[in-house]
C-alpha atoms as a PDB file:
ATOM      1  CA  MET A   1       5.040  13.531 -14.242  1.00  0.00           C
ATOM      2  CA  VAL A   2       1.763  13.506 -16.202  1.00  0.00           C
ATOM      3  CA  ALA A   3       1.025  16.549 -18.370  1.00  0.00           C
ATOM      4  CA  ILE A   4      -2.166  18.523 -17.808  1.00  0.00           C
ATOM      5  CA  ARG A   5      -4.490  17.880 -20.719  1.00  0.00           C
ATOM      6  CA  SER A   6      -5.885  21.399 -20.912  1.00  0.00           C
ATOM      7  CA  LEU A   7      -5.658  24.772 -19.213  1.00  0.00           C
ATOM      8  CA  ALA A   8      -9.318  24.537 -18.285  1.00  0.00           C
ATOM      9  CA  GLU A   9      -8.712  21.213 -16.559  1.00  0.00           C
ATOM     10  CA  SER A  10      -5.820  22.654 -14.565  1.00  0.00           C
ATOM     11  CA  GLU A  11      -8.060  25.423 -13.240  1.00  0.00           C
ATOM     12  CA  THR A  12     -10.920  23.148 -12.160  1.00  0.00           C
ATOM     13  CA  LEU A  13     -12.025  23.727  -8.587  1.00  0.00           C
ATOM     14  CA  TRP A  14     -13.009  20.986  -6.160  1.00  0.00           C
ATOM     15  CA  ALA A  15     -14.703  22.642  -3.173  1.00  0.00           C
ATOM     16  CA  GLY A  16     -12.212  25.507  -3.236  1.00  0.00           C
ATOM     17  CA  TYR A  17      -9.135  23.466  -4.189  1.00  0.00           C
ATOM     18  CA  ARG A  18      -7.454  24.623  -7.400  1.00  0.00           C
ATOM     19  CA  LEU A  19      -5.744  21.924  -9.462  1.00  0.00           C
ATOM     20  CA  ARG A  20      -2.186  22.746 -10.516  1.00  0.00           C
ATOM     21  CA  GLN A  21      -0.633  19.628 -12.023  1.00  0.00           C
ATOM     22  CA  LEU A  22      -1.679  16.053 -12.703  1.00  0.00           C
ATOM     23  CA  ARG A  23       0.692  13.782 -10.772  1.00  0.00           C
ATOM     24  CA  GLY A  24      -0.691  10.332 -11.565  1.00  0.00           C
ATOM     25  CA  VAL A  25      -3.468   8.404 -13.311  1.00  0.00           C
ATOM     26  CA  GLY A  26      -4.791   5.021 -12.219  1.00  0.00           C
ATOM     27  CA  ALA A  27      -7.542   2.665 -13.325  1.00  0.00           C
ATOM     28  CA  PHE A  28     -10.196   4.443 -11.253  1.00  0.00           C
ATOM     29  CA  GLY A  29      -8.834   7.852 -10.367  1.00  0.00           C
ATOM     30  CA  ARG A  30      -6.274  10.641 -10.523  1.00  0.00           C
ATOM     31  CA  VAL A  31      -3.889  12.375  -8.162  1.00  0.00           C
ATOM     32  CA  TRP A  32      -3.366  16.104  -8.533  1.00  0.00           C
ATOM     33  CA  GLU A  33      -1.028  18.613  -7.006  1.00  0.00           C
ATOM     34  CA  ALA A  34      -3.468  21.261  -5.815  1.00  0.00           C
ATOM     35  CA  GLU A  35      -3.682  24.560  -3.997  1.00  0.00           C
ATOM     36  CA  ALA A  36      -5.859  24.558  -0.883  1.00  0.00           C
ATOM     37  CA  PRO A  37      -8.104  27.521  -0.018  1.00  0.00           C
ATOM     38  CA  ASP A  38      -5.444  28.683   2.480  1.00  0.00           C
ATOM     39  CA  GLY A  39      -2.753  28.623  -0.229  1.00  0.00           C
ATOM     40  CA  LYS A  40      -0.993  25.449   0.944  1.00  0.00           C
ATOM     41  CA  THR A  41       0.106  22.815  -1.586  1.00  0.00           C
ATOM     42  CA  VAL A  42      -1.618  19.452  -1.109  1.00  0.00           C
ATOM     43  CA  ALA A  43      -2.396  16.254  -2.987  1.00  0.00           C
ATOM     44  CA  LEU A  44      -5.974  15.914  -4.188  1.00  0.00           C
ATOM     45  CA  LYS A  45      -7.003  12.407  -5.214  1.00  0.00           C
ATOM     46  CA  THR A  46     -10.262  11.746  -7.046  1.00  0.00           C
ATOM     47  CA  VAL A  47     -11.675   8.223  -7.332  1.00  0.00           C
ATOM     48  CA  GLU A  48     -14.738   6.952  -9.144  1.00  0.00           C
ATOM     49  CA  CYS A  49     -17.615   6.963  -6.650  1.00  0.00           C
ATOM     50  CA  LYS A  50     -19.734   3.806  -6.485  1.00  0.00           C
ATOM     51  CA  SER A  51     -23.081   3.774  -4.698  1.00  0.00           C
ATOM     52  CA  GLY A  52     -22.899   2.184  -1.246  1.00  0.00           C
ATOM     53  CA  ILE A  53     -19.119   1.782  -1.372  1.00  0.00           C
ATOM     54  CA  ALA A  54     -18.510   5.536  -1.118  1.00  0.00           C
ATOM     55  CA  THR A  55     -20.012   5.806   2.360  1.00  0.00           C
ATOM     56  CA  HIS A  56     -17.969   2.816   3.537  1.00  0.00           C
ATOM     57  CA  GLU A  57     -14.717   4.235   2.160  1.00  0.00           C
ATOM     58  CA  ILE A  58     -15.310   7.701   3.600  1.00  0.00           C
ATOM     59  CA  ARG A  59     -16.031   6.155   7.003  1.00  0.00           C
ATOM     60  CA  ASN A  60     -12.856   4.053   6.806  1.00  0.00           C
ATOM     61  CA  VAL A  61     -10.634   6.959   5.827  1.00  0.00           C
ATOM     62  CA  ARG A  62     -12.006   9.156   8.595  1.00  0.00           C
ATOM     63  CA  LYS A  63     -11.325   6.443  11.164  1.00  0.00           C
ATOM     64  CA  ILE A  64      -7.762   5.930   9.953  1.00  0.00           C
ATOM     65  CA  SER A  65      -7.080   9.670   9.799  1.00  0.00           C
ATOM     66  CA  ALA A  66      -7.574   9.746  13.584  1.00  0.00           C
ATOM     67  CA  LEU A  67      -4.733   7.211  14.054  1.00  0.00           C
ATOM     68  CA  HIS A  68      -1.518   9.210  13.944  1.00  0.00           C
ATOM     69  CA  HIS A  69       1.784   7.555  13.020  1.00  0.00           C
ATOM     70  CA  PRO A  70       4.933   8.969  11.372  1.00  0.00           C
ATOM     71  CA  HIS A  71       4.664   6.424   8.546  1.00  0.00           C
ATOM     72  CA  ILE A  72       0.977   6.943   7.731  1.00  0.00           C
ATOM     73  CA  ALA A  73       0.191   9.684   5.209  1.00  0.00           C
ATOM     74  CA  ARG A  74      -1.809  12.548   6.699  1.00  0.00           C
ATOM     75  CA  ILE A  75      -5.361  12.793   5.394  1.00  0.00           C
ATOM     76  CA  ASP A  76      -6.948  16.220   5.786  1.00  0.00           C
ATOM     77  CA  LYS A  77     -10.390  15.747   4.234  1.00  0.00           C
ATOM     78  CA  VAL A  78     -12.518  13.266   2.322  1.00  0.00           C
ATOM     79  CA  TRP A  79     -15.905  13.772   0.682  1.00  0.00           C
ATOM     80  CA  CYS A  80     -18.001  12.782  -2.362  1.00  0.00           C
ATOM     81  CA  GLU A  81     -18.520  15.288  -5.184  1.00  0.00           C
ATOM     82  CA  ARG A  82     -19.463  14.987  -8.885  1.00  0.00           C
ATOM     83  CA  ARG A  83     -19.777  11.214  -8.504  1.00  0.00           C
ATOM     84  CA  ARG A  84     -16.205  10.971  -7.253  1.00  0.00           C
ATOM     85  CA  LEU A  85     -14.596  10.440  -3.887  1.00  0.00           C
ATOM     86  CA  VAL A  86     -12.192  13.299  -3.170  1.00  0.00           C
ATOM     87  CA  PHE A  87      -9.284  12.918  -0.756  1.00  0.00           C
ATOM     88  CA  VAL A  88      -7.068  15.790   0.385  1.00  0.00           C
ATOM     89  CA  MET A  89      -3.726  14.663   1.800  1.00  0.00           C
ATOM     90  CA  GLU A  90      -0.107  15.684   2.160  1.00  0.00           C
ATOM     91  CA  LEU A  91       1.731  15.789  -1.162  1.00  0.00           C
ATOM     92  CA  ALA A  92       4.277  13.010  -1.717  1.00  0.00           C
ATOM     93  CA  ASP A  93       7.313  13.040  -4.001  1.00  0.00           C
ATOM     94  CA  GLY A  94       6.128   9.789  -5.548  1.00  0.00           C
ATOM     95  CA  SER A  95       5.701   6.114  -4.641  1.00  0.00           C
ATOM     96  CA  LEU A  96       7.934   3.056  -4.471  1.00  0.00           C
ATOM     97  CA  GLN A  97       6.309   2.053  -7.758  1.00  0.00           C
ATOM     98  CA  ASP A  98       7.613   5.286  -9.301  1.00  0.00           C
ATOM     99  CA  LEU A  99      11.074   4.768  -7.816  1.00  0.00           C
ATOM    100  CA  ALA A 100      11.223   1.226  -9.195  1.00  0.00           C
ATOM    101  CA  GLU A 101      10.382   2.498 -12.675  1.00  0.00           C
ATOM    102  CA  VAL A 102      13.144   5.111 -12.426  1.00  0.00           C
ATOM    103  CA  SER A 103      15.615   2.431 -11.311  1.00  0.00           C
ATOM    104  CA  LYS A 104      14.795   0.241 -14.294  1.00  0.00           C
ATOM    105  CA  ALA A 105      14.890   3.156 -16.739  1.00  0.00           C
ATOM    106  CA  GLU A 106      18.172   4.634 -15.512  1.00  0.00           C
ATOM    107  CA  PHE A 107      20.100   1.572 -14.357  1.00  0.00           C
ATOM    108  CA  GLY A 108      18.395  -1.270 -16.197  1.00  0.00           C
ATOM    109  CA  GLN A 109      17.803  -3.218 -13.003  1.00  0.00           C
ATOM    110  CA  PRO A 110      15.384  -3.434 -10.061  1.00  0.00           C
ATOM    111  CA  MET A 111      15.909  -1.707  -6.725  1.00  0.00           C
ATOM    112  CA  ALA A 112      18.812  -2.893  -4.559  1.00  0.00           C
ATOM    113  CA  ALA A 113      17.991  -5.071  -1.546  1.00  0.00           C
ATOM    114  CA  HIS A 114      19.708  -2.810   1.011  1.00  0.00           C
ATOM    115  CA  LEU A 115      17.731   0.235  -0.161  1.00  0.00           C
ATOM    116  CA  LEU A 116      14.451  -1.623  -0.402  1.00  0.00           C
ATOM    117  CA  SER A 117      14.758  -3.296   3.010  1.00  0.00           C
ATOM    118  CA  ASP A 118      15.181   0.123   4.622  1.00  0.00           C
ATOM    119  CA  TYR A 119      12.067   1.498   2.928  1.00  0.00           C
ATOM    120  CA  PHE A 120      10.078  -1.616   3.800  1.00  0.00           C
ATOM    121  CA  GLY A 121      11.209  -1.410   7.406  1.00  0.00           C
ATOM    122  CA  GLN A 122       9.471   1.954   7.618  1.00  0.00           C
ATOM    123  CA  ALA A 123       6.278   0.611   6.044  1.00  0.00           C
ATOM    124  CA  ALA A 124       6.421  -2.367   8.433  1.00  0.00           C
ATOM    125  CA  LYS A 125       6.319  -0.050  11.464  1.00  0.00           C
ATOM    126  CA  ALA A 126       3.096   1.508  10.209  1.00  0.00           C
ATOM    127  CA  LEU A 127       1.532  -1.864   9.395  1.00  0.00           C
ATOM    128  CA  ASP A 128       2.365  -3.356  12.783  1.00  0.00           C
ATOM    129  CA  PHE A 129       0.929  -0.245  14.423  1.00  0.00           C
ATOM    130  CA  LEU A 130      -2.312  -0.658  12.465  1.00  0.00           C
ATOM    131  CA  ASN A 131      -2.509  -4.448  12.720  1.00  0.00           C
ATOM    132  CA  ALA A 132      -2.154  -4.559  16.519  1.00  0.00           C
ATOM    133  CA  ARG A 133      -5.514  -4.721  18.313  1.00  0.00           C
ATOM    134  CA  ARG A 134      -5.025  -1.626  20.420  1.00  0.00           C
ATOM    135  CA  HIS A 135      -7.204   0.911  18.599  1.00  0.00           C
ATOM    136  CA  VAL A 136     -10.538   1.828  20.162  1.00  0.00           C
ATOM    137  CA  ILE A 137     -12.913   2.432  17.257  1.00  0.00           C
ATOM    138  CA  GLY A 138     -16.668   2.479  17.718  1.00  0.00           C
ATOM    139  CA  GLY A 139     -16.242   1.396  21.319  1.00  0.00           C
ATOM    140  CA  LEU A 140     -14.333  -1.768  20.350  1.00  0.00           C
ATOM    141  CA  ARG A 141     -10.625  -2.527  20.637  1.00  0.00           C
ATOM    142  CA  VAL A 142      -9.602  -3.575  17.144  1.00  0.00           C
ATOM    143  CA  GLY A 143      -6.732  -4.029  14.749  1.00  0.00           C
ATOM    144  CA  VAL A 144      -6.732  -2.603  11.232  1.00  0.00           C
ATOM    145  CA  GLN A 145      -5.842  -4.504   8.074  1.00  0.00           C
ATOM    146  CA  HIS A 146      -5.088  -2.206   5.139  1.00  0.00           C
ATOM    147  CA  ARG A 147      -6.180  -4.846   2.554  1.00  0.00           C
ATOM    148  CA  ASP A 148      -4.507  -3.193  -0.451  1.00  0.00           C
ATOM    149  CA  ILE A 149      -0.781  -2.994   0.235  1.00  0.00           C
ATOM    150  CA  LYS A 150       1.154  -2.600  -3.012  1.00  0.00           C
ATOM    151  CA  PRO A 151       4.003  -0.373  -4.318  1.00  0.00           C
ATOM    152  CA  ASN A 152       1.612   2.373  -5.461  1.00  0.00           C
ATOM    153  CA  ASN A 153       0.336   2.741  -1.890  1.00  0.00           C
ATOM    154  CA  LEU A 154       3.799   3.129  -0.358  1.00  0.00           C
ATOM    155  CA  LEU A 155       4.503   6.836  -0.764  1.00  0.00           C
ATOM    156  CA  LEU A 156       7.849   8.625  -0.597  1.00  0.00           C
ATOM    157  CA  PHE A 157       8.398  11.899   1.227  1.00  0.00           C
ATOM    158  CA  GLY A 158      12.126  12.408   0.683  1.00  0.00           C
ATOM    159  CA  ASP A 159      13.666   9.271   2.212  1.00  0.00           C
ATOM    160  CA  LYS A 160      10.590   8.571   4.309  1.00  0.00           C
ATOM    161  CA  VAL A 161       7.910   6.004   3.398  1.00  0.00           C
ATOM    162  CA  LYS A 162       4.268   6.426   4.393  1.00  0.00           C
ATOM    163  CA  LEU A 163       1.210   4.241   3.805  1.00  0.00           C
ATOM    164  CA  CYS A 164      -1.764   5.684   1.957  1.00  0.00           C
ATOM    165  CA  ASP A 165      -5.143   4.698   0.451  1.00  0.00           C
ATOM    166  CA  PHE A 166      -7.216   3.305   3.331  1.00  0.00           C
ATOM    167  CA  GLY A 167     -10.566   3.072   1.584  1.00  0.00           C
ATOM    168  CA  LEU A 168     -10.612  -0.744   1.820  1.00  0.00           C
ATOM    169  CA  ALA A 169      -9.274  -1.002   5.385  1.00  0.00           C
ATOM    170  CA  ALA A 170     -11.076  -3.404   7.710  1.00  0.00           C
ATOM    171  CA  MET A 171     -11.309  -3.426  11.511  1.00  0.00           C
ATOM    172  CA  THR A 172     -10.612  -6.840  13.065  1.00  0.00           C
ATOM    173  CA  ALA A 173     -11.437  -8.058  16.561  1.00  0.00           C
ATOM    174  CA  SER A 174      -9.914 -11.540  16.146  1.00  0.00           C
ATOM    175  CA  SER A 175      -6.974 -13.133  14.341  1.00  0.00           C
ATOM    176  CA  SER A 176      -9.113 -14.546  11.523  1.00  0.00           C
ATOM    177  CA  VAL A 177     -12.481 -13.298  10.263  1.00  0.00           C
ATOM    178  CA  LEU A 178     -14.783 -13.758   7.305  1.00  0.00           C
ATOM    179  CA  ASN A 179     -14.551 -10.784   4.989  1.00  0.00           C
ATOM    180  CA  ASP A 180     -15.235  -9.629   1.449  1.00  0.00           C
ATOM    181  CA  SER A 181     -12.558 -10.408  -1.130  1.00  0.00           C
ATOM    182  CA  VAL A 182     -11.237  -6.964  -2.035  1.00  0.00           C
ATOM    183  CA  GLY A 183      -7.945  -5.346  -2.936  1.00  0.00           C
ATOM    184  CA  THR A 184      -5.563  -6.109  -5.802  1.00  0.00           C
ATOM    185  CA  PRO A 185      -5.538  -9.851  -6.658  1.00  0.00           C
ATOM    186  CA  ALA A 186      -1.851  -9.880  -7.673  1.00  0.00           C
ATOM    187  CA  TYR A 187      -0.848  -8.940  -4.099  1.00  0.00           C
ATOM    188  CA  ALA A 188      -3.595 -10.717  -2.179  1.00  0.00           C
ATOM    189  CA  ALA A 189      -3.014 -13.527   0.320  1.00  0.00           C
ATOM    190  CA  PRO A 190      -4.596 -16.975  -0.197  1.00  0.00           C
ATOM    191  CA  GLU A 191      -7.138 -16.379   2.576  1.00  0.00           C
ATOM    192  CA  VAL A 192      -8.461 -13.297   0.748  1.00  0.00           C
ATOM    193  CA  PHE A 193      -9.468 -15.480  -2.207  1.00  0.00           C
ATOM    194  CA  ARG A 194     -11.383 -17.660   0.283  1.00  0.00           C
ATOM    195  CA  GLY A 195     -13.274 -14.650   1.649  1.00  0.00           C
ATOM    196  CA  GLU A 196     -11.244 -14.438   4.849  1.00  0.00           C
ATOM    197  CA  LEU A 197      -8.954 -11.926   6.531  1.00  0.00           C
ATOM    198  CA  SER A 198      -6.173 -12.644   9.023  1.00  0.00           C
ATOM    199  CA  ASP A 199      -3.702 -10.753  11.200  1.00  0.00           C
ATOM    200  CA  TRP A 200      -1.036 -11.615   8.614  1.00  0.00           C
ATOM    201  CA  THR A 201      -2.873 -10.605   5.412  1.00  0.00           C
ATOM    202  CA  ASP A 202      -1.061  -7.267   5.055  1.00  0.00           C
ATOM    203  CA  GLN A 203       2.296  -8.933   5.693  1.00  0.00           C
ATOM    204  CA  TYR A 204       1.686 -11.260   2.749  1.00  0.00           C
ATOM    205  CA  ALA A 205       0.937  -8.321   0.433  1.00  0.00           C
ATOM    206  CA  LEU A 206       4.042  -6.515   1.705  1.00  0.00           C
ATOM    207  CA  ALA A 207       6.157  -9.565   0.817  1.00  0.00           C
ATOM    208  CA  VAL A 208       4.633  -9.754  -2.676  1.00  0.00           C
ATOM    209  CA  SER A 209       5.392  -6.040  -3.092  1.00  0.00           C
ATOM    210  CA  TYR A 210       9.004  -6.707  -2.119  1.00  0.00           C
ATOM    211  CA  CYS A 211       9.278  -9.384  -4.800  1.00  0.00           C
ATOM    212  CA  TYR A 212       7.822  -7.073  -7.412  1.00  0.00           C
ATOM    213  CA  LEU A 213      10.240  -4.262  -6.583  1.00  0.00           C
ATOM    214  CA  ARG A 214      13.133  -6.719  -6.660  1.00  0.00           C
ATOM    215  CA  GLY A 215      12.225  -7.750 -10.188  1.00  0.00           C
ATOM    216  CA  ARG A 216       8.746  -9.214 -10.664  1.00  0.00           C
ATOM    217  CA  LEU A 217       5.713 -10.756  -9.001  1.00  0.00           C
ATOM    218  CA  PRO A 218       6.175 -14.249  -7.490  1.00  0.00           C
ATOM    219  CA  PHE A 219       3.027 -15.654  -9.143  1.00  0.00           C
ATOM    220  CA  SER A 220       2.237 -15.787 -12.854  1.00  0.00           C
ATOM    221  CA  ASP A 221      -1.244 -17.338 -12.708  1.00  0.00           C
ATOM    222  CA  THR A 222      -3.177 -14.840 -10.578  1.00  0.00           C
ATOM    223  CA  PRO A 223      -6.704 -14.310 -11.964  1.00  0.00           C
ATOM    224  CA  LEU A 224      -7.859 -10.787 -12.748  1.00  0.00           C
ATOM    225  CA  GLY A 225     -10.654 -11.070 -10.192  1.00  0.00           C
ATOM    226  CA  PHE A 226     -11.152 -12.949  -6.920  1.00  0.00           C
ATOM    227  CA  ARG A 227     -12.214 -16.589  -7.369  1.00  0.00           C
ATOM    228  CA  ARG A 228     -12.935 -18.959  -4.506  1.00  0.00           C
ATOM    229  CA  ASP A 229     -11.573 -21.914  -6.493  1.00  0.00           C
ATOM    230  CA  TYR A 230      -8.143 -20.289  -7.034  1.00  0.00           C
ATOM    231  CA  ILE A 231      -5.285 -21.760  -4.996  1.00  0.00           C
ATOM    232  CA  ARG A 232      -1.969 -19.945  -4.763  1.00  0.00           C
ATOM    233  CA  PRO A 233       0.919 -22.123  -6.011  1.00  0.00           C
ATOM    234  CA  ALA A 234       4.338 -22.112  -4.371  1.00  0.00           C
ATOM    235  CA  PRO A 235       5.952 -18.732  -5.088  1.00  0.00           C
ATOM    236  CA  ASP A 236       8.738 -18.451  -7.653  1.00  0.00           C
ATOM    237  CA  LEU A 237      11.404 -16.442  -5.789  1.00  0.00           C
ATOM    238  CA  ASN A 238      14.212 -16.594  -8.334  1.00  0.00           C
ATOM    239  CA  MET A 239      14.196 -12.790  -8.556  1.00  0.00           C
ATOM    240  CA  LEU A 240      15.660 -12.725  -5.026  1.00  0.00           C
ATOM    241  CA  ASP A 241      19.141 -13.455  -3.701  1.00  0.00           C
ATOM    242  CA  ALA A 242      19.635 -16.757  -1.857  1.00  0.00           C
ATOM    243  CA  ALA A 243      19.613 -15.027   1.549  1.00  0.00           C
ATOM    244  CA  GLU A 244      16.314 -13.252   0.826  1.00  0.00           C
ATOM    245  CA  ARG A 245      14.351 -16.280  -0.369  1.00  0.00           C
ATOM    246  CA  PRO A 246      13.658 -18.098   2.921  1.00  0.00           C
ATOM    247  CA  ILE A 247      12.676 -14.801   4.571  1.00  0.00           C
ATOM    248  CA  ILE A 248      10.119 -13.939   1.911  1.00  0.00           C
ATOM    249  CA  ALA A 249       9.026 -17.571   1.545  1.00  0.00           C
ATOM    250  CA  ARG A 250       7.983 -17.571   5.204  1.00  0.00           C
ATOM    251  CA  ALA A 251       5.967 -14.371   4.712  1.00  0.00           C
ATOM    252  CA  LEU A 252       4.266 -16.020   1.709  1.00  0.00           C
ATOM    253  CA  SER A 253       3.240 -19.132   3.597  1.00  0.00           C
ATOM    254  CA  SER A 254      -0.236 -20.331   2.631  1.00  0.00           C
ATOM    255  CA  THR A 255      -1.026 -20.744   6.350  1.00  0.00           C
ATOM    256  CA  PRO A 256      -1.256 -17.272   7.913  1.00  0.00           C
ATOM    257  CA  GLN A 257      -0.012 -18.384  11.341  1.00  0.00           C
ATOM    258  CA  ASP A 258       3.208 -19.720   9.768  1.00  0.00           C
ATOM    259  CA  ARG A 259       4.224 -16.252   8.590  1.00  0.00           C
ATOM    260  CA  TRP A 260       6.435 -13.862  10.573  1.00  0.00           C
ATOM    261  CA  PRO A 261       5.095 -12.709  13.971  1.00  0.00           C
ATOM    262  CA  SER A 262       5.279  -9.130  12.697  1.00  0.00           C
ATOM    263  CA  CYS A 263       6.115  -7.176   9.568  1.00  0.00           C
ATOM    264  CA  GLU A 264       8.978  -5.476  11.415  1.00  0.00           C
ATOM    265  CA  GLU A 265      10.604  -8.803  12.275  1.00  0.00           C
ATOM    266  CA  MET A 266      10.444  -9.842   8.630  1.00  0.00           C
ATOM    267  CA  CYS A 267      12.014  -6.553   7.525  1.00  0.00           C
ATOM    268  CA  ARG A 268      14.707  -6.594  10.215  1.00  0.00           C
ATOM    269  CA  THR A 269      15.755 -10.017   8.959  1.00  0.00           C
ATOM    270  CA  LEU A 270      15.788  -8.769   5.361  1.00  0.00           C
ATOM    271  CA  ASN A 271      17.848  -5.751   6.391  1.00  0.00           C
ATOM    272  CA  ALA A 272      20.377  -7.946   8.203  1.00  0.00           C
ATOM    273  CA  ALA A 273      20.722 -10.168   5.122  1.00  0.00           C
ATOM    274  CA  ALA A 274      21.244  -7.120   2.911  1.00  0.00           C
ATOM    275  CA  ARG A 275      23.903  -5.673   5.253  1.00  0.00           C
ATOM    276  CA  GLN A 276      25.741  -8.974   5.364  1.00  0.00           C
ATOM    277  CA  LYS A 277      25.776  -9.137   1.582  1.00  0.00           C
ATOM    278  CA  THR A 278      27.093  -5.571   1.329  1.00  0.00           C
ATOM    279  CA  GLN A 279      29.863  -6.246   3.866  1.00  0.00           C
ATOM    280  CA  SER A 280      30.922  -9.456   2.093  1.00  0.00           C
ATOM    281  CA  ARG A 281      31.548  -7.450  -1.091  1.00  0.00           C
ATOM    282  CA  ARG A 282      34.008  -5.096   0.612  1.00  0.00           C
END
């Protein structure tokens, strides 16, 4: 938990929302526990507002907020104020990033495969729901690629995982499209560096997130920004058990079509491998 820097800061109002406690600080924004005008407790996230991008992000979030799924975090409102984007959403207990840090601090090791595969199975259901081209948005039937899947964007509500942060989401009408290179380079698929987006882009980022939570990232040479000349090397999967490696290696294929047909199928296979390992120890 992050301490409030001053009493005045804790009492700041954003369009009627009173800030109670600072929950997290990132490179471009903050997440607060806040009190809504009706007295309910919510999460209020503020992000640096950039000209032109703000309108795009607000439009994206509003579109996604209309797509209801049990593993997608509820978004109540989004607007721009004081040169910041403001999002009001349901308050989470934390993220998988937070849980991983607790695991390392308390037990000196990364998250166990059986626990992680269960959490990722929940995230996979939401991603497959979004990725499937069955959403009618703007009169078109499209799929949705999140484009910034990483541990910080996998929120925990008790034992339930929900996706959040849809400001960079893109609507896709075909399996591969030209698109801006956005997101977090460390988790991005090879096609993102080439300025492309595929039906399997989110799956790749989910697999990289799995590696990170099991110990570390699978690539050590990722540039800080997106470069067209960068080519992903073969992933180093030594942080994983032998049974996990071929499953994640497939999801990290440089050719999108060679990855798993769905995120759920990848996670079901991971879960089966984790169960088999647990049973063999008994």
